[in-house]
């Protein structure tokens, strides 16, 4: 069964969607079948992987409302082993339409269940709010990855998210765990960043990811080109950091990752040339072996 990771933080502007896109892409570059589910009505994860806005395309709104299956919602990306279920602005209405719906908190979980054997990782990008969309994501997830900045307000907000996680555990998903807290847009030269890191380390212990994501202009530029950072500039500090984060999370998984992958983790159409060759070398260098998986979509 694949692992479902919800990337969540009710505070906006913390690098949540950037983390979802680049973590999922780094998993896929390691020859792991990966699905990214965009549950944010802003659709930034969808556009960040090159999907243009299309109101006729099946998306997460249809999925949650029972109008389409997850299989019908899948869209291919530039990376051979990365698929996405895109979002749409209509998803805003799902918060209201699902209020009286049957099994309203379990819609996403039920929809993704048939895909859990097909994908080793399912990464869910949540909206920046503790609403019914985020609740659906947390109920569907095995674990939650929390991106946050090393700032005081971020420390205040994380307690609300942890309270929500505890409530989800108590009533809807007792298996939900904290995958980790990852610091994003980090400038570790400042004393404030060091203080926040120390406080998080004391509170979360090993749940604070060893990998942090630095401020990096290439990470900010990549979405405008519809590419994850490892296809836009694999040698950038941002791309290398997300590759390390993917490696860190893979190493926490059960000891099923034993098979040596082939040497072409980025053999997708449109991902050739010198940049792709550099990406292959970087990912093979950073990410540990994973099992051979079905590549059909």
C-alpha atoms as a PDB file:
ATOM      1  CA  UNK A   1       0.000   0.000   0.000  1.00  0.00           C
ATOM      2  CA  UNK A   2       1.251   3.459  -0.879  1.00  0.00           C
ATOM      3  CA  UNK A   3       1.890   6.151   1.690  1.00  0.00           C
ATOM      4  CA  UNK A   4      -0.404   9.194   1.641  1.00  0.00           C
ATOM      5  CA  UNK A   5       1.303  12.387   2.860  1.00  0.00           C
ATOM      6  CA  UNK A   6      -0.717  15.562   3.372  1.00  0.00           C
ATOM      7  CA  UNK A   7       1.324  18.764   3.101  1.00  0.00           C
ATOM      8  CA  UNK A   8      -0.571  21.100   5.405  1.00  0.00           C
ATOM      9  CA  UNK A   9      -0.311  24.396   7.226  1.00  0.00           C
ATOM     10  CA  UNK A  10      -3.201  26.796   7.707  1.00  0.00           C
ATOM     11  CA  UNK A  11      -0.792  29.738   7.440  1.00  0.00           C
ATOM     12  CA  UNK A  12      -0.319  30.919   3.872  1.00  0.00           C
ATOM     13  CA  UNK A  13       2.996  31.780   2.245  1.00  0.00           C
ATOM     14  CA  UNK A  14       5.078  29.121   3.996  1.00  0.00           C
ATOM     15  CA  UNK A  15       6.124  27.193   0.881  1.00  0.00           C
ATOM     16  CA  UNK A  16       3.459  24.517   1.197  1.00  0.00           C
ATOM     17  CA  UNK A  17       2.663  24.162  -2.509  1.00  0.00           C
ATOM     18  CA  UNK A  18       6.349  24.492  -3.440  1.00  0.00           C
ATOM     19  CA  UNK A  19       7.055  21.642  -1.028  1.00  0.00           C
ATOM     20  CA  UNK A  20       4.245  19.479  -2.427  1.00  0.00           C
ATOM     21  CA  UNK A  21       5.383  19.974  -6.033  1.00  0.00           C
ATOM     22  CA  UNK A  22       9.086  19.444  -5.459  1.00  0.00           C
ATOM     23  CA  UNK A  23       8.779  16.609  -2.948  1.00  0.00           C
ATOM     24  CA  UNK A  24       6.460  14.672  -5.281  1.00  0.00           C
ATOM     25  CA  UNK A  25       8.800  15.358  -8.211  1.00  0.00           C
ATOM     26  CA  UNK A  26      11.817  14.140  -6.244  1.00  0.00           C
ATOM     27  CA  UNK A  27       9.992  10.911  -5.362  1.00  0.00           C
ATOM     28  CA  UNK A  28       9.143  10.401  -9.038  1.00  0.00           C
ATOM     29  CA  UNK A  29      12.706  11.151 -10.127  1.00  0.00           C
ATOM     30  CA  UNK A  30      13.806   8.252  -7.909  1.00  0.00           C
ATOM     31  CA  UNK A  31      11.646   5.934 -10.066  1.00  0.00           C
ATOM     32  CA  UNK A  32       8.862   5.771  -7.503  1.00  0.00           C
ATOM     33  CA  UNK A  33       5.318   5.972  -8.877  1.00  0.00           C
ATOM     34  CA  UNK A  34       3.978   9.164  -7.309  1.00  0.00           C
ATOM     35  CA  UNK A  35       0.658  11.014  -7.388  1.00  0.00           C
ATOM     36  CA  UNK A  36       0.197  14.676  -6.470  1.00  0.00           C
ATOM     37  CA  UNK A  37      -3.365  15.621  -5.476  1.00  0.00           C
ATOM     38  CA  UNK A  38      -4.116  19.351  -5.663  1.00  0.00           C
ATOM     39  CA  UNK A  39      -6.773  20.147  -3.029  1.00  0.00           C
ATOM     40  CA  UNK A  40      -6.238  23.909  -3.076  1.00  0.00           C
ATOM     41  CA  UNK A  41      -8.820  25.947  -5.072  1.00  0.00           C
ATOM     42  CA  UNK A  42      -5.985  28.298  -6.095  1.00  0.00           C
ATOM     43  CA  UNK A  43      -4.651  25.434  -8.282  1.00  0.00           C
ATOM     44  CA  UNK A  44      -1.025  26.484  -7.867  1.00  0.00           C
ATOM     45  CA  UNK A  45       0.259  22.919  -7.706  1.00  0.00           C
ATOM     46  CA  UNK A  46      -1.487  22.212 -11.023  1.00  0.00           C
ATOM     47  CA  UNK A  47      -0.088  25.258 -12.822  1.00  0.00           C
ATOM     48  CA  UNK A  48       3.302  24.655 -11.196  1.00  0.00           C
ATOM     49  CA  UNK A  49       3.518  21.361 -13.081  1.00  0.00           C
ATOM     50  CA  UNK A  50       2.564  22.928 -16.399  1.00  0.00           C
ATOM     51  CA  UNK A  51      -1.193  22.304 -16.516  1.00  0.00           C
ATOM     52  CA  UNK A  52      -3.013  25.259 -18.066  1.00  0.00           C
ATOM     53  CA  UNK A  53      -6.414  26.236 -16.677  1.00  0.00           C
ATOM     54  CA  UNK A  54      -9.154  24.125 -18.263  1.00  0.00           C
ATOM     55  CA  UNK A  55     -12.696  24.270 -16.823  1.00  0.00           C
ATOM     56  CA  UNK A  56     -13.646  21.123 -18.757  1.00  0.00           C
ATOM     57  CA  UNK A  57     -10.884  18.986 -17.234  1.00  0.00           C
ATOM     58  CA  UNK A  58     -11.834  16.507 -14.497  1.00  0.00           C
ATOM     59  CA  UNK A  59     -10.423  17.755 -11.202  1.00  0.00           C
ATOM     60  CA  UNK A  60     -10.593  17.324  -7.432  1.00  0.00           C
ATOM     61  CA  UNK A  61     -13.983  19.036  -7.289  1.00  0.00           C
ATOM     62  CA  UNK A  62     -15.482  16.224  -9.379  1.00  0.00           C
ATOM     63  CA  UNK A  63     -13.625  13.714  -7.232  1.00  0.00           C
ATOM     64  CA  UNK A  64     -15.022  15.024  -3.937  1.00  0.00           C
ATOM     65  CA  UNK A  65     -18.540  15.405  -5.304  1.00  0.00           C
ATOM     66  CA  UNK A  66     -18.560  11.832  -6.627  1.00  0.00           C
ATOM     67  CA  UNK A  67     -18.863  12.954 -10.262  1.00  0.00           C
ATOM     68  CA  UNK A  68     -15.662  11.181 -11.369  1.00  0.00           C
ATOM     69  CA  UNK A  69     -13.304   8.473 -10.158  1.00  0.00           C
ATOM     70  CA  UNK A  70      -9.667   9.031  -9.231  1.00  0.00           C
ATOM     71  CA  UNK A  71      -8.619   6.957 -12.248  1.00  0.00           C
ATOM     72  CA  UNK A  72     -10.529   9.321 -14.553  1.00  0.00           C
ATOM     73  CA  UNK A  73      -8.943  12.343 -12.875  1.00  0.00           C
ATOM     74  CA  UNK A  74      -5.292  11.394 -13.459  1.00  0.00           C
ATOM     75  CA  UNK A  75      -3.169  13.707 -15.594  1.00  0.00           C
ATOM     76  CA  UNK A  76       0.373  12.924 -16.778  1.00  0.00           C
ATOM     77  CA  UNK A  77       3.285  15.320 -16.199  1.00  0.00           C
ATOM     78  CA  UNK A  78       6.734  15.842 -17.681  1.00  0.00           C
ATOM     79  CA  UNK A  79       8.171  13.331 -15.241  1.00  0.00           C
ATOM     80  CA  UNK A  80       7.515   9.764 -16.333  1.00  0.00           C
ATOM     81  CA  UNK A  81       6.463   8.496 -12.911  1.00  0.00           C
ATOM     82  CA  UNK A  82       4.592  11.540 -11.632  1.00  0.00           C
ATOM     83  CA  UNK A  83       0.847  12.035 -12.114  1.00  0.00           C
ATOM     84  CA  UNK A  84      -1.423  14.752 -10.788  1.00  0.00           C
ATOM     85  CA  UNK A  85      -5.101  15.145  -9.983  1.00  0.00           C
ATOM     86  CA  UNK A  86      -5.510  18.866 -10.729  1.00  0.00           C
ATOM     87  CA  UNK A  87      -7.652  21.416  -8.917  1.00  0.00           C
ATOM     88  CA  UNK A  88     -10.094  24.089 -10.041  1.00  0.00           C
ATOM     89  CA  UNK A  89     -11.565  27.241  -8.505  1.00  0.00           C
ATOM     90  CA  UNK A  90     -14.936  25.447  -8.226  1.00  0.00           C
ATOM     91  CA  UNK A  91     -13.372  23.555  -5.335  1.00  0.00           C
ATOM     92  CA  UNK A  92     -14.188  26.597  -3.179  1.00  0.00           C
ATOM     93  CA  UNK A  93     -17.842  25.560  -3.378  1.00  0.00           C
ATOM     94  CA  UNK A  94     -17.120  22.059  -2.098  1.00  0.00           C
ATOM     95  CA  UNK A  95     -16.753  23.410   1.441  1.00  0.00           C
ATOM     96  CA  UNK A  96     -20.420  24.459   1.335  1.00  0.00           C
ATOM     97  CA  UNK A  97     -21.808  21.657  -0.815  1.00  0.00           C
ATOM     98  CA  UNK A  98     -20.318  18.922   1.353  1.00  0.00           C
ATOM     99  CA  UNK A  99     -21.697  20.263   4.644  1.00  0.00           C
ATOM    100  CA  UNK A 100     -24.838  18.130   4.376  1.00  0.00           C
ATOM    101  CA  UNK A 101     -23.182  15.382   2.344  1.00  0.00           C
ATOM    102  CA  UNK A 102     -22.918  11.752   3.410  1.00  0.00           C
ATOM    103  CA  UNK A 103     -19.433  10.751   4.634  1.00  0.00           C
ATOM    104  CA  UNK A 104     -18.330  14.298   3.935  1.00  0.00           C
ATOM    105  CA  UNK A 105     -14.974  13.949   5.751  1.00  0.00           C
ATOM    106  CA  UNK A 106     -14.173  10.660   3.970  1.00  0.00           C
ATOM    107  CA  UNK A 107     -14.754  11.668   0.336  1.00  0.00           C
ATOM    108  CA  UNK A 108     -11.080  11.999  -0.582  1.00  0.00           C
ATOM    109  CA  UNK A 109     -10.076   8.896   1.369  1.00  0.00           C
ATOM    110  CA  UNK A 110     -12.708   6.779  -0.403  1.00  0.00           C
ATOM    111  CA  UNK A 111     -11.751   8.197  -3.811  1.00  0.00           C
ATOM    112  CA  UNK A 112      -8.006   7.541  -3.402  1.00  0.00           C
ATOM    113  CA  UNK A 113      -8.334   4.044  -1.943  1.00  0.00           C
ATOM    114  CA  UNK A 114      -8.277   2.250  -5.352  1.00  0.00           C
ATOM    115  CA  UNK A 115      -4.975   4.005  -6.220  1.00  0.00           C
ATOM    116  CA  UNK A 116      -3.010   3.151  -3.081  1.00  0.00           C
ATOM    117  CA  UNK A 117      -1.511  -0.008  -4.538  1.00  0.00           C
ATOM    118  CA  UNK A 118      -0.571   1.750  -7.768  1.00  0.00           C
ATOM    119  CA  UNK A 119       1.356   4.642  -6.239  1.00  0.00           C
ATOM    120  CA  UNK A 120       4.155   4.345  -3.695  1.00  0.00           C
ATOM    121  CA  UNK A 121       3.571   7.933  -2.574  1.00  0.00           C
ATOM    122  CA  UNK A 122       0.452  10.096  -2.788  1.00  0.00           C
ATOM    123  CA  UNK A 123       1.204  13.719  -1.858  1.00  0.00           C
ATOM    124  CA  UNK A 124      -1.801  15.935  -1.078  1.00  0.00           C
ATOM    125  CA  UNK A 125      -1.425  19.722  -1.312  1.00  0.00           C
ATOM    126  CA  UNK A 126      -3.858  21.293   1.174  1.00  0.00           C
ATOM    127  CA  UNK A 127      -5.338  24.805   1.096  1.00  0.00           C
ATOM    128  CA  UNK A 128      -4.054  27.385   3.610  1.00  0.00           C
ATOM    129  CA  UNK A 129      -7.044  26.922   5.915  1.00  0.00           C
ATOM    130  CA  UNK A 130      -8.370  24.416   8.424  1.00  0.00           C
ATOM    131  CA  UNK A 131     -11.555  23.816   6.411  1.00  0.00           C
ATOM    132  CA  UNK A 132     -13.407  20.771   5.108  1.00  0.00           C
ATOM    133  CA  UNK A 133     -10.923  20.350   2.244  1.00  0.00           C
ATOM    134  CA  UNK A 134      -8.025  20.124   4.693  1.00  0.00           C
ATOM    135  CA  UNK A 135     -10.029  17.781   6.922  1.00  0.00           C
ATOM    136  CA  UNK A 136     -10.614  15.504   3.913  1.00  0.00           C
ATOM    137  CA  UNK A 137      -6.886  15.503   3.195  1.00  0.00           C
ATOM    138  CA  UNK A 138      -5.967  14.678   6.809  1.00  0.00           C
ATOM    139  CA  UNK A 139      -8.552  11.886   6.996  1.00  0.00           C
ATOM    140  CA  UNK A 140      -7.170  10.403   3.772  1.00  0.00           C
ATOM    141  CA  UNK A 141      -3.527  10.716   4.875  1.00  0.00           C
ATOM    142  CA  UNK A 142      -1.231   8.367   6.738  1.00  0.00           C
ATOM    143  CA  UNK A 143       0.910  11.295   7.839  1.00  0.00           C
ATOM    144  CA  UNK A 144       1.125  15.072   7.642  1.00  0.00           C
ATOM    145  CA  UNK A 145       4.206  17.044   6.599  1.00  0.00           C
ATOM    146  CA  UNK A 146       4.207  20.576   7.997  1.00  0.00           C
ATOM    147  CA  UNK A 147       6.207  23.243   6.135  1.00  0.00           C
ATOM    148  CA  UNK A 148       6.849  26.358   8.173  1.00  0.00           C
ATOM    149  CA  UNK A 149       9.040  29.426   8.265  1.00  0.00           C
ATOM    150  CA  UNK A 150      11.417  30.151  11.126  1.00  0.00           C
ATOM    151  CA  UNK A 151       9.293  33.031  12.402  1.00  0.00           C
ATOM    152  CA  UNK A 152       7.336  33.761  15.577  1.00  0.00           C
ATOM    153  CA  UNK A 153       3.879  33.798  13.946  1.00  0.00           C
ATOM    154  CA  UNK A 154       4.612  30.398  12.413  1.00  0.00           C
ATOM    155  CA  UNK A 155       5.198  29.004  15.892  1.00  0.00           C
ATOM    156  CA  UNK A 156       1.841  30.387  17.020  1.00  0.00           C
ATOM    157  CA  UNK A 157      -0.036  28.923  14.075  1.00  0.00           C
ATOM    158  CA  UNK A 158       1.418  25.453  14.291  1.00  0.00           C
ATOM    159  CA  UNK A 159      -0.320  24.805  17.619  1.00  0.00           C
ATOM    160  CA  UNK A 160      -3.704  25.206  15.890  1.00  0.00           C
ATOM    161  CA  UNK A 161      -2.727  22.704  13.222  1.00  0.00           C
ATOM    162  CA  UNK A 162      -1.515  20.206  15.815  1.00  0.00           C
ATOM    163  CA  UNK A 163      -4.797  20.603  17.682  1.00  0.00           C
ATOM    164  CA  UNK A 164      -6.669  19.819  14.450  1.00  0.00           C
ATOM    165  CA  UNK A 165      -4.477  16.763  13.888  1.00  0.00           C
ATOM    166  CA  UNK A 166      -5.301  15.505  17.397  1.00  0.00           C
ATOM    167  CA  UNK A 167      -9.022  15.951  16.769  1.00  0.00           C
ATOM    168  CA  UNK A 168      -8.750  14.073  13.469  1.00  0.00           C
ATOM    169  CA  UNK A 169      -6.940  11.259  15.281  1.00  0.00           C
ATOM    170  CA  UNK A 170      -9.570  11.112  18.002  1.00  0.00           C
ATOM    171  CA  UNK A 171     -12.610  10.955  15.769  1.00  0.00           C
ATOM    172  CA  UNK A 172     -11.811  10.240  12.124  1.00  0.00           C
ATOM    173  CA  UNK A 173      -8.320   8.861  11.449  1.00  0.00           C
ATOM    174  CA  UNK A 174      -6.558   7.280  14.466  1.00  0.00           C
ATOM    175  CA  UNK A 175      -3.589   6.237  12.271  1.00  0.00           C
ATOM    176  CA  UNK A 176      -2.651   9.801  11.301  1.00  0.00           C
ATOM    177  CA  UNK A 177       0.918  10.671  12.310  1.00  0.00           C
ATOM    178  CA  UNK A 178       3.288  13.620  11.953  1.00  0.00           C
ATOM    179  CA  UNK A 179       5.658  12.881   9.078  1.00  0.00           C
ATOM    180  CA  UNK A 180       7.768  15.835  10.067  1.00  0.00           C
ATOM    181  CA  UNK A 181       8.148  19.587  10.271  1.00  0.00           C
ATOM    182  CA  UNK A 182      10.306  21.067   7.518  1.00  0.00           C
ATOM    183  CA  UNK A 183      11.682  24.591   7.694  1.00  0.00           C
ATOM    184  CA  UNK A 184      11.246  26.491   4.432  1.00  0.00           C
ATOM    185  CA  UNK A 185      12.617  29.775   3.061  1.00  0.00           C
ATOM    186  CA  UNK A 186      15.290  29.502   5.728  1.00  0.00           C
ATOM    187  CA  UNK A 187      18.088  31.980   6.258  1.00  0.00           C
ATOM    188  CA  UNK A 188      20.093  30.262   8.985  1.00  0.00           C
ATOM    189  CA  UNK A 189      22.397  33.272   9.379  1.00  0.00           C
ATOM    190  CA  UNK A 190      19.790  35.150  11.452  1.00  0.00           C
ATOM    191  CA  UNK A 191      19.537  34.757  15.206  1.00  0.00           C
ATOM    192  CA  UNK A 192      15.719  34.496  14.981  1.00  0.00           C
ATOM    193  CA  UNK A 193      15.964  31.496  12.669  1.00  0.00           C
ATOM    194  CA  UNK A 194      18.385  29.808  15.041  1.00  0.00           C
ATOM    195  CA  UNK A 195      16.078  30.459  18.014  1.00  0.00           C
ATOM    196  CA  UNK A 196      13.034  29.060  16.203  1.00  0.00           C
ATOM    197  CA  UNK A 197      15.007  26.003  15.067  1.00  0.00           C
ATOM    198  CA  UNK A 198      16.113  25.383  18.659  1.00  0.00           C
ATOM    199  CA  UNK A 199      12.526  25.652  19.950  1.00  0.00           C
ATOM    200  CA  UNK A 200      11.221  23.312  17.268  1.00  0.00           C
ATOM    201  CA  UNK A 201      13.983  20.822  17.979  1.00  0.00           C
ATOM    202  CA  UNK A 202      13.086  20.819  21.683  1.00  0.00           C
ATOM    203  CA  UNK A 203       9.391  20.345  20.952  1.00  0.00           C
ATOM    204  CA  UNK A 204       9.417  17.949  17.981  1.00  0.00           C
ATOM    205  CA  UNK A 205      12.710  16.138  18.497  1.00  0.00           C
ATOM    206  CA  UNK A 206      13.327  13.745  15.588  1.00  0.00           C
ATOM    207  CA  UNK A 207      10.126  14.901  13.881  1.00  0.00           C
ATOM    208  CA  UNK A 208      11.948  18.088  12.861  1.00  0.00           C
ATOM    209  CA  UNK A 209      13.350  17.198   9.448  1.00  0.00           C
ATOM    210  CA  UNK A 210      17.127  17.276   9.231  1.00  0.00           C
ATOM    211  CA  UNK A 211      16.718  18.821   5.778  1.00  0.00           C
ATOM    212  CA  UNK A 212      15.689  22.473   5.594  1.00  0.00           C
ATOM    213  CA  UNK A 213      14.810  24.426   2.458  1.00  0.00           C
ATOM    214  CA  UNK A 214      16.778  27.651   1.918  1.00  0.00           C
ATOM    215  CA  UNK A 215      15.546  30.816   0.273  1.00  0.00           C
ATOM    216  CA  UNK A 216      16.304  30.226  -3.381  1.00  0.00           C
ATOM    217  CA  UNK A 217      15.410  32.273  -6.451  1.00  0.00           C
ATOM    218  CA  UNK A 218      15.291  29.165  -8.679  1.00  0.00           C
ATOM    219  CA  UNK A 219      12.507  27.696  -6.535  1.00  0.00           C
ATOM    220  CA  UNK A 220      10.551  30.920  -6.981  1.00  0.00           C
ATOM    221  CA  UNK A 221      11.152  31.013 -10.755  1.00  0.00           C
ATOM    222  CA  UNK A 222      10.343  27.371 -11.549  1.00  0.00           C
ATOM    223  CA  UNK A 223       6.498  27.580 -11.240  1.00  0.00           C
ATOM    224  CA  UNK A 224       6.347  30.368 -13.837  1.00  0.00           C
ATOM    225  CA  UNK A 225       7.866  27.869 -16.281  1.00  0.00           C
ATOM    226  CA  UNK A 226       5.458  25.085 -15.243  1.00  0.00           C
ATOM    227  CA  UNK A 227       8.306  22.915 -13.977  1.00  0.00           C
ATOM    228  CA  UNK A 228       9.492  21.492 -10.670  1.00  0.00           C
ATOM    229  CA  UNK A 229      12.872  22.817  -9.578  1.00  0.00           C
ATOM    230  CA  UNK A 230      14.739  19.639 -10.523  1.00  0.00           C
ATOM    231  CA  UNK A 231      13.693  20.071 -14.169  1.00  0.00           C
ATOM    232  CA  UNK A 232      14.193  23.846 -14.150  1.00  0.00           C
ATOM    233  CA  UNK A 233      17.630  23.839 -12.502  1.00  0.00           C
ATOM    234  CA  UNK A 234      18.641  20.591 -10.825  1.00  0.00           C
ATOM    235  CA  UNK A 235      21.884  22.096  -9.511  1.00  0.00           C
ATOM    236  CA  UNK A 236      20.123  24.877  -7.601  1.00  0.00           C
ATOM    237  CA  UNK A 237      20.211  24.799  -3.804  1.00  0.00           C
ATOM    238  CA  UNK A 238      16.416  24.509  -3.717  1.00  0.00           C
ATOM    239  CA  UNK A 239      16.263  21.453  -5.994  1.00  0.00           C
ATOM    240  CA  UNK A 240      19.083  19.736  -4.123  1.00  0.00           C
ATOM    241  CA  UNK A 241      17.357  20.403  -0.786  1.00  0.00           C
ATOM    242  CA  UNK A 242      14.098  18.783  -1.919  1.00  0.00           C
ATOM    243  CA  UNK A 243      16.000  15.778  -3.263  1.00  0.00           C
ATOM    244  CA  UNK A 244      17.556  15.385   0.190  1.00  0.00           C
ATOM    245  CA  UNK A 245      14.149  15.782   1.838  1.00  0.00           C
ATOM    246  CA  UNK A 246      12.725  13.029  -0.393  1.00  0.00           C
ATOM    247  CA  UNK A 247      15.647  10.800   0.560  1.00  0.00           C
ATOM    248  CA  UNK A 248      15.035  11.512   4.258  1.00  0.00           C
ATOM    249  CA  UNK A 249      11.346  10.584   4.000  1.00  0.00           C
ATOM    250  CA  UNK A 250      12.013   7.469   1.912  1.00  0.00           C
ATOM    251  CA  UNK A 251      14.469   6.252   4.527  1.00  0.00           C
ATOM    252  CA  UNK A 252      11.712   6.468   7.165  1.00  0.00           C
ATOM    253  CA  UNK A 253       9.456   4.136   5.214  1.00  0.00           C
ATOM    254  CA  UNK A 254       9.257   0.352   5.841  1.00  0.00           C
ATOM    255  CA  UNK A 255      12.219  -1.629   4.535  1.00  0.00           C
ATOM    256  CA  UNK A 256      10.635  -2.248   1.133  1.00  0.00           C
ATOM    257  CA  UNK A 257      13.086   0.001  -0.695  1.00  0.00           C
ATOM    258  CA  UNK A 258      15.711  -2.547  -1.576  1.00  0.00           C
ATOM    259  CA  UNK A 259      15.713  -2.837  -5.362  1.00  0.00           C
ATOM    260  CA  UNK A 260      18.340  -0.920  -7.343  1.00  0.00           C
ATOM    261  CA  UNK A 261      16.620   1.474  -9.795  1.00  0.00           C
ATOM    262  CA  UNK A 262      17.735   1.943 -13.370  1.00  0.00           C
ATOM    263  CA  UNK A 263      20.017   4.868 -14.172  1.00  0.00           C
ATOM    264  CA  UNK A 264      17.301   6.876 -15.974  1.00  0.00           C
ATOM    265  CA  UNK A 265      14.969   8.322 -13.345  1.00  0.00           C
ATOM    266  CA  UNK A 266      14.115  11.284 -15.594  1.00  0.00           C
ATOM    267  CA  UNK A 267      13.431   9.587 -18.916  1.00  0.00           C
ATOM    268  CA  UNK A 268      10.085  11.331 -19.501  1.00  0.00           C
ATOM    269  CA  UNK A 269       9.259  12.972 -22.807  1.00  0.00           C
ATOM    270  CA  UNK A 270      10.308  16.595 -22.717  1.00  0.00           C
ATOM    271  CA  UNK A 271      12.906  15.980 -20.019  1.00  0.00           C
ATOM    272  CA  UNK A 272      15.939  15.249 -22.208  1.00  0.00           C
ATOM    273  CA  UNK A 273      19.148  17.102 -22.862  1.00  0.00           C
ATOM    274  CA  UNK A 274      22.003  18.327 -20.636  1.00  0.00           C
ATOM    275  CA  UNK A 275      19.691  19.537 -17.861  1.00  0.00           C
ATOM    276  CA  UNK A 276      17.932  16.171 -17.638  1.00  0.00           C
ATOM    277  CA  UNK A 277      21.285  14.369 -17.654  1.00  0.00           C
ATOM    278  CA  UNK A 278      22.419  16.491 -14.721  1.00  0.00           C
ATOM    279  CA  UNK A 279      19.155  15.718 -12.947  1.00  0.00           C
ATOM    280  CA  UNK A 280      19.661  11.987 -13.443  1.00  0.00           C
ATOM    281  CA  UNK A 281      23.107  12.167 -11.911  1.00  0.00           C
ATOM    282  CA  UNK A 282      21.929  14.263  -8.968  1.00  0.00           C
ATOM    283  CA  UNK A 283      18.939  12.067  -8.122  1.00  0.00           C
ATOM    284  CA  UNK A 284      20.828   8.788  -8.432  1.00  0.00           C
ATOM    285  CA  UNK A 285      23.497  10.319  -6.216  1.00  0.00           C
ATOM    286  CA  UNK A 286      21.094  11.546  -3.516  1.00  0.00           C
ATOM    287  CA  UNK A 287      18.105   9.174  -3.401  1.00  0.00           C
ATOM    288  CA  UNK A 288      18.431   5.587  -2.123  1.00  0.00           C
ATOM    289  CA  UNK A 289      17.391   2.501  -4.117  1.00  0.00           C
ATOM    290  CA  UNK A 290      13.660   1.841  -4.521  1.00  0.00           C
ATOM    291  CA  UNK A 291      11.722  -1.191  -5.751  1.00  0.00           C
ATOM    292  CA  UNK A 292      10.762  -1.702  -9.391  1.00  0.00           C
ATOM    293  CA  UNK A 293       7.166  -0.576  -9.890  1.00  0.00           C
ATOM    294  CA  UNK A 294       4.524  -0.636 -12.582  1.00  0.00           C
ATOM    295  CA  UNK A 295       5.066   2.373 -14.862  1.00  0.00           C
ATOM    296  CA  UNK A 296       1.821   2.153 -16.802  1.00  0.00           C
ATOM    297  CA  UNK A 297      -0.639   4.972 -16.365  1.00  0.00           C
END
